[in-house]
Amino acid sequence: MIAVDIDVLQSIMPRFSGANHSKQARIVEAISGKMQETLAKYEIDTPLRVAHFLAQIAHESAGFRTTEEFASGAAYEGRSDLGNSQPGDGRRYKGRGLLQLTGRANYRALGQKIGLDLEGNPELAAEPVTSLVIACEYWKSRNINRHCDRDDLIRVTKAVNGGLNGLDDRRRYLGKAKTALARVEALGHEANAKPNSRPVLRRGLKGSQVAALQEMLREKGYMVAIDGDFGPATETIVRQFQKNKKLDADGIVGSKTWKALEG
């Protein structure tokens, strides 16, 4: 399980000022301490699953800026399909959570699952840690992990949103999440590696080690730019090199790929 801490969230989230910054900071600080154990509980526990989850909640929460729908909720008044049977239920059970929970019936059912009286105290759903659990429960109920495993942003978004609203924004967050998680994973490998061993490199990383990799590929006759940026072009060349060496062509430069490059 990749460590998802406040540094990862801060590398994904947009920058705000004033009141919006304060709201965002409160949410991020609260959920970062519980993110690791909560995601693990719901088996959101691979780089792709975590990246897609972070991308979706980042978009749905307006950049981790809110755990409550901006609209008043009046549009849900009288919605029997949501269980809103009493006057004022639309506003009372408006959307709350990092992936928003809406309607009296849904508040009741989700509250029973997590052991909180959300129907009697709907404002609890906007509490940051509870809002994270709500998002994970929704994720589990729709079996969204299976779409993450295929890296299928379209299906993930449809499962979350019902359509493709905000797809470009979700795609942007997904790219940032993948880069942040790749950096964390590489640092973890490097910390556990032997002093003279090479780090694991993959798409999204930058720096001198990437430049060294590109130089070695050039020496092997592969025309790749030496810019220290492990982008799509470098990944394509790495896959081709691995294929030619009869290695697993996953685009990730681990010990076997390094050995082939150094041979």
C-alpha atoms as a PDB file:
ATOM      1  CA  MET A   1       0.000   0.000   0.000  1.00  0.00           C
ATOM      2  CA  ILE A   2       1.449   3.346  -1.049  1.00  0.00           C
ATOM      3  CA  ALA A   3       1.579   5.967   1.703  1.00  0.00           C
ATOM      4  CA  VAL A   4      -1.009   8.667   1.046  1.00  0.00           C
ATOM      5  CA  ASP A   5      -0.220  11.553   3.349  1.00  0.00           C
ATOM      6  CA  ILE A   6      -0.672  15.297   3.422  1.00  0.00           C
ATOM      7  CA  ASP A   7       2.263  15.809   1.035  1.00  0.00           C
ATOM      8  CA  VAL A   8       0.531  13.694  -1.619  1.00  0.00           C
ATOM      9  CA  LEU A   9      -2.736  15.593  -1.196  1.00  0.00           C
ATOM     10  CA  GLN A  10      -0.966  18.955  -1.325  1.00  0.00           C
ATOM     11  CA  SER A  11       0.775  18.005  -4.560  1.00  0.00           C
ATOM     12  CA  ILE A  12      -2.607  17.298  -6.155  1.00  0.00           C
ATOM     13  CA  MET A  13      -4.831  20.060  -4.828  1.00  0.00           C
ATOM     14  CA  PRO A  14      -5.119  23.520  -6.399  1.00  0.00           C
ATOM     15  CA  ARG A  15      -3.994  26.603  -4.514  1.00  0.00           C
ATOM     16  CA  PHE A  16      -6.553  28.946  -2.965  1.00  0.00           C
ATOM     17  CA  SER A  17      -6.322  32.033  -0.798  1.00  0.00           C
ATOM     18  CA  GLY A  18      -8.391  33.547   1.969  1.00  0.00           C
ATOM     19  CA  ALA A  19     -11.457  31.679   3.205  1.00  0.00           C
ATOM     20  CA  ASN A  20     -11.170  29.012   0.516  1.00  0.00           C
ATOM     21  CA  HIS A  21      -7.609  28.241   1.599  1.00  0.00           C
ATOM     22  CA  SER A  22      -8.718  27.902   5.216  1.00  0.00           C
ATOM     23  CA  LYS A  23     -11.551  25.534   4.277  1.00  0.00           C
ATOM     24  CA  GLN A  24      -9.250  23.442   2.122  1.00  0.00           C
ATOM     25  CA  ALA A  25      -6.544  23.267   4.783  1.00  0.00           C
ATOM     26  CA  ARG A  26      -9.034  22.099   7.414  1.00  0.00           C
ATOM     27  CA  ILE A  27     -10.339  19.306   5.181  1.00  0.00           C
ATOM     28  CA  VAL A  28      -6.939  18.129   3.947  1.00  0.00           C
ATOM     29  CA  GLU A  29      -5.354  18.131   7.392  1.00  0.00           C
ATOM     30  CA  ALA A  30      -8.266  16.116   8.797  1.00  0.00           C
ATOM     31  CA  ILE A  31      -8.473  13.439   6.107  1.00  0.00           C
ATOM     32  CA  SER A  32      -4.715  13.014   5.581  1.00  0.00           C
ATOM     33  CA  GLY A  33      -4.315  11.403   8.992  1.00  0.00           C
ATOM     34  CA  LYS A  34      -7.029   8.824   8.240  1.00  0.00           C
ATOM     35  CA  MET A  35      -6.511   8.362   4.507  1.00  0.00           C
ATOM     36  CA  GLN A  36      -4.102   5.424   4.691  1.00  0.00           C
ATOM     37  CA  GLU A  37      -6.118   3.158   6.978  1.00  0.00           C
ATOM     38  CA  THR A  38      -9.460   4.082   5.421  1.00  0.00           C
ATOM     39  CA  LEU A  39      -8.392   3.343   1.851  1.00  0.00           C
ATOM     40  CA  ALA A  40      -6.840   0.053   2.948  1.00  0.00           C
ATOM     41  CA  LYS A  41     -10.112  -0.984   4.616  1.00  0.00           C
ATOM     42  CA  TYR A  42     -11.951  -0.543   1.313  1.00  0.00           C
ATOM     43  CA  GLU A  43      -9.210  -2.205  -0.761  1.00  0.00           C
ATOM     44  CA  ILE A  44      -8.358   1.025  -2.521  1.00  0.00           C
ATOM     45  CA  ASP A  45      -4.823  -0.204  -2.223  1.00  0.00           C
ATOM     46  CA  THR A  46      -2.989  -0.119  -5.561  1.00  0.00           C
ATOM     47  CA  PRO A  47      -1.435   2.899  -7.315  1.00  0.00           C
ATOM     48  CA  LEU A  48      -4.199   2.954  -9.946  1.00  0.00           C
ATOM     49  CA  ARG A  49      -7.030   2.574  -7.447  1.00  0.00           C
ATOM     50  CA  VAL A  50      -5.638   5.286  -5.196  1.00  0.00           C
ATOM     51  CA  ALA A  51      -4.914   7.656  -8.095  1.00  0.00           C
ATOM     52  CA  HIS A  52      -8.424   7.355  -9.515  1.00  0.00           C
ATOM     53  CA  PHE A  53     -10.005   7.749  -6.088  1.00  0.00           C
ATOM     54  CA  LEU A  54      -7.990  10.890  -5.325  1.00  0.00           C
ATOM     55  CA  ALA A  55      -8.793  12.356  -8.741  1.00  0.00           C
ATOM     56  CA  GLN A  56     -12.528  11.850  -8.297  1.00  0.00           C
ATOM     57  CA  ILE A  57     -12.767  13.223  -4.752  1.00  0.00           C
ATOM     58  CA  ALA A  58     -10.565  16.176  -5.706  1.00  0.00           C
ATOM     59  CA  HIS A  59     -12.991  17.126  -8.465  1.00  0.00           C
ATOM     60  CA  GLU A  60     -16.182  16.419  -6.531  1.00  0.00           C
ATOM     61  CA  SER A  61     -14.977  18.464  -3.551  1.00  0.00           C
ATOM     62  CA  ALA A  62     -13.971  21.422  -5.748  1.00  0.00           C
ATOM     63  CA  GLY A  63     -10.283  20.883  -5.039  1.00  0.00           C
ATOM     64  CA  PHE A  64     -10.746  19.620  -1.438  1.00  0.00           C
ATOM     65  CA  ARG A  65     -12.485  22.916  -0.736  1.00  0.00           C
ATOM     66  CA  THR A  66     -15.847  21.641   0.466  1.00  0.00           C
ATOM     67  CA  THR A  67     -17.613  18.576   1.781  1.00  0.00           C
ATOM     68  CA  GLU A  68     -21.019  20.094   1.204  1.00  0.00           C
ATOM     69  CA  GLU A  69     -22.931  20.927  -1.957  1.00  0.00           C
ATOM     70  CA  PHE A  70     -22.783  24.619  -2.821  1.00  0.00           C
ATOM     71  CA  ALA A  71     -26.489  24.717  -3.797  1.00  0.00           C
ATOM     72  CA  SER A  72     -29.146  24.967  -1.099  1.00  0.00           C
ATOM     73  CA  GLY A  73     -30.686  21.566  -1.756  1.00  0.00           C
ATOM     74  CA  ALA A  74     -34.102  23.055  -2.471  1.00  0.00           C
ATOM     75  CA  ALA A  75     -34.082  21.284  -5.844  1.00  0.00           C
ATOM     76  CA  TYR A  76     -34.416  17.957  -3.997  1.00  0.00           C
ATOM     77  CA  GLU A  77     -37.571  18.963  -2.150  1.00  0.00           C
ATOM     78  CA  GLY A  78     -40.314  16.352  -2.533  1.00  0.00           C
ATOM     79  CA  ARG A  79     -38.047  13.862  -4.323  1.00  0.00           C
ATOM     80  CA  SER A  80     -39.638  10.554  -3.350  1.00  0.00           C
ATOM     81  CA  ASP A  81     -36.863   8.637  -5.146  1.00  0.00           C
ATOM     82  CA  LEU A  82     -34.472  10.084  -2.548  1.00  0.00           C
ATOM     83  CA  GLY A  83     -36.830   9.399   0.343  1.00  0.00           C
ATOM     84  CA  ASN A  84     -37.475  13.102   0.897  1.00  0.00           C
ATOM     85  CA  SER A  85     -40.973  12.746   2.348  1.00  0.00           C
ATOM     86  CA  GLN A  86     -41.064  15.601   4.875  1.00  0.00           C
ATOM     87  CA  PRO A  87     -41.146  19.365   4.277  1.00  0.00           C
ATOM     88  CA  GLY A  88     -37.593  20.732   4.275  1.00  0.00           C
ATOM     89  CA  ASP A  89     -35.959  17.381   3.472  1.00  0.00           C
ATOM     90  CA  GLY A  90     -34.425  18.767   0.283  1.00  0.00           C
ATOM     91  CA  ARG A  91     -32.307  21.285   2.171  1.00  0.00           C
ATOM     92  CA  ARG A  92     -31.818  19.060   5.224  1.00  0.00           C
ATOM     93  CA  TYR A  93     -30.471  16.159   3.173  1.00  0.00           C
ATOM     94  CA  LYS A  94     -28.572  18.086   0.535  1.00  0.00           C
ATOM     95  CA  GLY A  95     -25.355  16.669  -0.937  1.00  0.00           C
ATOM     96  CA  ARG A  96     -22.605  16.099   1.631  1.00  0.00           C
ATOM     97  CA  GLY A  97     -19.373  14.104   1.599  1.00  0.00           C
ATOM     98  CA  LEU A  98     -16.309  13.989  -0.645  1.00  0.00           C
ATOM     99  CA  LEU A  99     -18.542  11.996  -3.001  1.00  0.00           C
ATOM    100  CA  GLN A 100     -21.865  13.528  -2.134  1.00  0.00           C
ATOM    101  CA  LEU A 101     -24.586  11.695  -0.236  1.00  0.00           C
ATOM    102  CA  THR A 102     -28.046  13.056  -1.079  1.00  0.00           C
ATOM    103  CA  GLY A 103     -31.571  12.370   0.204  1.00  0.00           C
ATOM    104  CA  ARG A 104     -33.114  11.143   3.472  1.00  0.00           C
ATOM    105  CA  ALA A 105     -33.201   7.477   2.402  1.00  0.00           C
ATOM    106  CA  ASN A 106     -29.519   7.477   1.450  1.00  0.00           C
ATOM    107  CA  TYR A 107     -28.529   9.239   4.673  1.00  0.00           C
ATOM    108  CA  ARG A 108     -30.445   6.597   6.641  1.00  0.00           C
ATOM    109  CA  ALA A 109     -28.961   3.624   4.765  1.00  0.00           C
ATOM    110  CA  LEU A 110     -25.370   4.886   4.791  1.00  0.00           C
ATOM    111  CA  GLY A 111     -25.605   5.886   8.449  1.00  0.00           C
ATOM    112  CA  GLN A 112     -26.669   2.363   9.365  1.00  0.00           C
ATOM    113  CA  LYS A 113     -23.653   0.959   7.505  1.00  0.00           C
ATOM    114  CA  ILE A 114     -21.097   3.118   9.290  1.00  0.00           C
ATOM    115  CA  GLY A 115     -22.816   3.278  12.671  1.00  0.00           C
ATOM    116  CA  LEU A 116     -23.787   6.959  12.695  1.00  0.00           C
ATOM    117  CA  ASP A 117     -27.241   8.532  12.877  1.00  0.00           C
ATOM    118  CA  LEU A 118     -26.885  10.558   9.703  1.00  0.00           C
ATOM    119  CA  GLU A 119     -30.632  10.739   9.241  1.00  0.00           C
ATOM    120  CA  GLY A 120     -31.041  12.413  12.628  1.00  0.00           C
ATOM    121  CA  ASN A 121     -27.845  14.476  12.308  1.00  0.00           C
ATOM    122  CA  PRO A 122     -27.240  15.049   8.582  1.00  0.00           C
ATOM    123  CA  GLU A 123     -24.559  17.690   9.199  1.00  0.00           C
ATOM    124  CA  LEU A 124     -22.260  14.892  10.405  1.00  0.00           C
ATOM    125  CA  ALA A 125     -21.896  13.805   6.778  1.00  0.00           C
ATOM    126  CA  ALA A 126     -19.937  16.979   6.053  1.00  0.00           C
ATOM    127  CA  GLU A 127     -17.362  16.257   8.789  1.00  0.00           C
ATOM    128  CA  PRO A 128     -14.128  15.603   6.818  1.00  0.00           C
ATOM    129  CA  VAL A 129     -13.263  12.133   8.127  1.00  0.00           C
ATOM    130  CA  THR A 130     -16.893  10.980   7.853  1.00  0.00           C
ATOM    131  CA  SER A 131     -17.041  12.424   4.360  1.00  0.00           C
ATOM    132  CA  LEU A 132     -14.019  10.271   3.439  1.00  0.00           C
ATOM    133  CA  VAL A 133     -15.773   7.143   4.741  1.00  0.00           C
ATOM    134  CA  ILE A 134     -18.910   8.089   2.794  1.00  0.00           C
ATOM    135  CA  ALA A 135     -16.845   8.353  -0.388  1.00  0.00           C
ATOM    136  CA  CYS A 136     -15.268   4.943   0.224  1.00  0.00           C
ATOM    137  CA  GLU A 137     -18.631   3.326   0.948  1.00  0.00           C
ATOM    138  CA  TYR A 138     -20.000   4.696  -2.300  1.00  0.00           C
ATOM    139  CA  TRP A 139     -16.884   3.507  -4.138  1.00  0.00           C
ATOM    140  CA  LYS A 140     -17.364   0.020  -2.734  1.00  0.00           C
ATOM    141  CA  SER A 141     -21.097  -0.075  -3.461  1.00  0.00           C
ATOM    142  CA  ARG A 142     -20.465   0.650  -7.145  1.00  0.00           C
ATOM    143  CA  ASN A 143     -17.463  -1.709  -7.365  1.00  0.00           C
ATOM    144  CA  ILE A 144     -15.410   1.090  -8.895  1.00  0.00           C
ATOM    145  CA  ASN A 145     -12.076  -0.607  -8.175  1.00  0.00           C
ATOM    146  CA  ARG A 146     -12.618  -2.875 -11.192  1.00  0.00           C
ATOM    147  CA  HIS A 147     -12.608   0.149 -13.507  1.00  0.00           C
ATOM    148  CA  CYS A 148      -9.494   1.533 -11.823  1.00  0.00           C
ATOM    149  CA  ASP A 149      -7.671  -1.727 -12.439  1.00  0.00           C
ATOM    150  CA  ARG A 150      -8.241  -1.159 -16.173  1.00  0.00           C
ATOM    151  CA  ASP A 151      -7.216   2.508 -15.807  1.00  0.00           C
ATOM    152  CA  ASP A 152     -10.598   3.386 -17.354  1.00  0.00           C
ATOM    153  CA  LEU A 153     -11.288   7.012 -16.461  1.00  0.00           C
ATOM    154  CA  ILE A 154     -14.499   7.061 -18.502  1.00  0.00           C
ATOM    155  CA  ARG A 155     -16.127   4.206 -16.590  1.00  0.00           C
ATOM    156  CA  VAL A 156     -14.842   5.460 -13.242  1.00  0.00           C
ATOM    157  CA  THR A 157     -16.338   8.888 -13.935  1.00  0.00           C
ATOM    158  CA  LYS A 158     -19.670   7.464 -15.069  1.00  0.00           C
ATOM    159  CA  ALA A 159     -19.853   5.337 -11.923  1.00  0.00           C
ATOM    160  CA  VAL A 160     -19.204   8.392  -9.746  1.00  0.00           C
ATOM    161  CA  ASN A 161     -21.084  11.071 -11.659  1.00  0.00           C
ATOM    162  CA  GLY A 162     -23.662   9.216 -13.744  1.00  0.00           C
ATOM    163  CA  GLY A 163     -22.241  10.975 -16.787  1.00  0.00           C
ATOM    164  CA  LEU A 164     -19.013  12.630 -17.872  1.00  0.00           C
ATOM    165  CA  ASN A 165     -19.365  16.046 -16.254  1.00  0.00           C
ATOM    166  CA  GLY A 166     -16.000  17.636 -15.540  1.00  0.00           C
ATOM    167  CA  LEU A 167     -14.093  14.907 -17.372  1.00  0.00           C
ATOM    168  CA  ASP A 168     -11.174  17.171 -18.329  1.00  0.00           C
ATOM    169  CA  ASP A 169     -10.769  18.318 -14.734  1.00  0.00           C
ATOM    170  CA  ARG A 170     -10.894  14.733 -13.476  1.00  0.00           C
ATOM    171  CA  ARG A 171      -8.294  13.738 -16.080  1.00  0.00           C
ATOM    172  CA  ARG A 172      -6.015  16.557 -14.929  1.00  0.00           C
ATOM    173  CA  TYR A 173      -6.306  15.488 -11.305  1.00  0.00           C
ATOM    174  CA  LEU A 174      -5.664  11.870 -12.301  1.00  0.00           C
ATOM    175  CA  GLY A 175      -2.413  12.829 -14.005  1.00  0.00           C
ATOM    176  CA  LYS A 176      -1.282  14.783 -10.937  1.00  0.00           C
ATOM    177  CA  ALA A 177      -2.221  11.910  -8.636  1.00  0.00           C
ATOM    178  CA  LYS A 178      -0.317   9.358 -10.710  1.00  0.00           C
ATOM    179  CA  THR A 179       2.762  11.566 -10.717  1.00  0.00           C
ATOM    180  CA  ALA A 180       2.595  12.146  -6.954  1.00  0.00           C
ATOM    181  CA  LEU A 181       2.134   8.451  -6.192  1.00  0.00           C
ATOM    182  CA  ALA A 182       4.910   7.417  -8.575  1.00  0.00           C
ATOM    183  CA  ARG A 183       7.240   9.791  -6.760  1.00  0.00           C
ATOM    184  CA  VAL A 184       6.279   8.337  -3.373  1.00  0.00           C
ATOM    185  CA  GLU A 185       6.703   4.784  -4.628  1.00  0.00           C
ATOM    186  CA  ALA A 186      10.105   5.530  -6.159  1.00  0.00           C
ATOM    187  CA  LEU A 187      11.297   7.184  -2.968  1.00  0.00           C
ATOM    188  CA  GLY A 188      10.149   4.151  -1.012  1.00  0.00           C
ATOM    189  CA  HIS A 189      12.061   1.798  -3.280  1.00  0.00           C
ATOM    190  CA  GLU A 190      15.114   4.022  -3.082  1.00  0.00           C
ATOM    191  CA  ALA A 191      14.979   4.133   0.719  1.00  0.00           C
ATOM    192  CA  ASN A 192      14.843   0.339   0.902  1.00  0.00           C
ATOM    193  CA  ALA A 193      17.456  -0.248  -1.770  1.00  0.00           C
ATOM    194  CA  LYS A 194      21.066  -1.148  -1.236  1.00  0.00           C
ATOM    195  CA  PRO A 195      23.387   1.886  -1.149  1.00  0.00           C
ATOM    196  CA  ASN A 196      24.743   1.341  -4.675  1.00  0.00           C
ATOM    197  CA  SER A 197      21.568   0.035  -6.309  1.00  0.00           C
ATOM    198  CA  ARG A 198      19.585   1.934  -8.903  1.00  0.00           C
ATOM    199  CA  PRO A 199      16.186   3.480  -8.040  1.00  0.00           C
ATOM    200  CA  VAL A 200      12.972   2.284  -9.634  1.00  0.00           C
ATOM    201  CA  LEU A 201      11.977   4.784 -12.316  1.00  0.00           C
ATOM    202  CA  ARG A 202       8.632   5.216 -14.005  1.00  0.00           C
ATOM    203  CA  ARG A 203       6.545   7.753 -15.880  1.00  0.00           C
ATOM    204  CA  GLY A 204       6.063  11.023 -14.015  1.00  0.00           C
ATOM    205  CA  LEU A 205       9.494  11.192 -12.402  1.00  0.00           C
ATOM    206  CA  LYS A 206      12.109  13.820 -13.147  1.00  0.00           C
ATOM    207  CA  GLY A 207      15.746  14.381 -12.246  1.00  0.00           C
ATOM    208  CA  SER A 208      19.321  13.236 -12.714  1.00  0.00           C
ATOM    209  CA  GLN A 209      18.513   9.528 -12.439  1.00  0.00           C
ATOM    210  CA  VAL A 210      16.037   9.856 -15.313  1.00  0.00           C
ATOM    211  CA  ALA A 211      18.650  11.707 -17.344  1.00  0.00           C
ATOM    212  CA  ALA A 212      21.140   8.889 -16.645  1.00  0.00           C
ATOM    213  CA  LEU A 213      18.575   6.365 -17.856  1.00  0.00           C
ATOM    214  CA  GLN A 214      18.017   8.359 -21.050  1.00  0.00           C
ATOM    215  CA  GLU A 215      21.749   8.580 -21.676  1.00  0.00           C
ATOM    216  CA  MET A 216      22.078   4.792 -21.336  1.00  0.00           C
ATOM    217  CA  LEU A 217      19.206   4.265 -23.771  1.00  0.00           C
ATOM    218  CA  ARG A 218      20.885   6.605 -26.256  1.00  0.00           C
ATOM    219  CA  GLU A 219      24.111   4.620 -25.911  1.00  0.00           C
ATOM    220  CA  LYS A 220      22.110   1.511 -26.791  1.00  0.00           C
ATOM    221  CA  GLY A 221      20.882   3.183 -29.972  1.00  0.00           C
ATOM    222  CA  TYR A 222      17.445   4.323 -28.809  1.00  0.00           C
ATOM    223  CA  MET A 223      16.634   7.869 -29.894  1.00  0.00           C
ATOM    224  CA  VAL A 224      15.263   9.439 -26.738  1.00  0.00           C
ATOM    225  CA  ALA A 225      15.640  13.031 -25.582  1.00  0.00           C
ATOM    226  CA  ILE A 226      17.959  13.519 -22.604  1.00  0.00           C
ATOM    227  CA  ASP A 227      15.907  15.993 -20.591  1.00  0.00           C
ATOM    228  CA  GLY A 228      15.546  14.298 -17.215  1.00  0.00           C
ATOM    229  CA  ASP A 229      11.780  13.989 -17.675  1.00  0.00           C
ATOM    230  CA  PHE A 230      10.267  10.486 -17.655  1.00  0.00           C
ATOM    231  CA  GLY A 231       7.352  11.348 -19.918  1.00  0.00           C
ATOM    232  CA  PRO A 232       5.323   9.352 -22.467  1.00  0.00           C
ATOM    233  CA  ALA A 233       8.136   9.309 -25.035  1.00  0.00           C
ATOM    234  CA  THR A 234      10.680   7.907 -22.574  1.00  0.00           C
ATOM    235  CA  GLU A 235       8.158   5.321 -21.378  1.00  0.00           C
ATOM    236  CA  THR A 236       7.564   4.181 -24.969  1.00  0.00           C
ATOM    237  CA  ILE A 237      11.303   3.763 -25.547  1.00  0.00           C
ATOM    238  CA  VAL A 238      11.697   1.862 -22.260  1.00  0.00           C
ATOM    239  CA  ARG A 239       8.894  -0.505 -23.251  1.00  0.00           C
ATOM    240  CA  GLN A 240      10.553  -1.093 -26.622  1.00  0.00           C
ATOM    241  CA  PHE A 241      13.909  -1.786 -24.970  1.00  0.00           C
ATOM    242  CA  GLN A 242      12.288  -4.207 -22.521  1.00  0.00           C
ATOM    243  CA  LYS A 243      10.471  -5.983 -25.341  1.00  0.00           C
ATOM    244  CA  ASN A 244      13.706  -6.351 -27.303  1.00  0.00           C
ATOM    245  CA  LYS A 245      15.391  -7.808 -24.219  1.00  0.00           C
ATOM    246  CA  LYS A 246      12.455 -10.182 -23.617  1.00  0.00           C
ATOM    247  CA  LEU A 247      11.607  -8.489 -20.333  1.00  0.00           C
ATOM    248  CA  ASP A 248       8.171  -7.597 -19.010  1.00  0.00           C
ATOM    249  CA  ALA A 249       7.403  -4.490 -21.105  1.00  0.00           C
ATOM    250  CA  ASP A 250       5.706  -2.496 -18.357  1.00  0.00           C
ATOM    251  CA  GLY A 251       7.624   0.750 -18.878  1.00  0.00           C
ATOM    252  CA  ILE A 252       8.961   0.624 -15.296  1.00  0.00           C
ATOM    253  CA  VAL A 253      12.737   0.607 -14.901  1.00  0.00           C
ATOM    254  CA  GLY A 254      13.496  -1.858 -12.114  1.00  0.00           C
ATOM    255  CA  SER A 255      16.485  -4.070 -11.327  1.00  0.00           C
ATOM    256  CA  LYS A 256      16.111  -6.338 -14.390  1.00  0.00           C
ATOM    257  CA  THR A 257      15.880  -3.405 -16.797  1.00  0.00           C
ATOM    258  CA  TRP A 258      18.856  -1.676 -15.160  1.00  0.00           C
ATOM    259  CA  LYS A 259      20.849  -4.901 -15.433  1.00  0.00           C
ATOM    260  CA  ALA A 260      20.019  -5.170 -19.137  1.00  0.00           C
ATOM    261  CA  LEU A 261      21.012  -1.547 -19.693  1.00  0.00           C
ATOM    262  CA  GLU A 262      24.305  -2.004 -17.874  1.00  0.00           C
ATOM    263  CA  GLY A 263      25.107  -5.310 -19.573  1.00  0.00           C
END
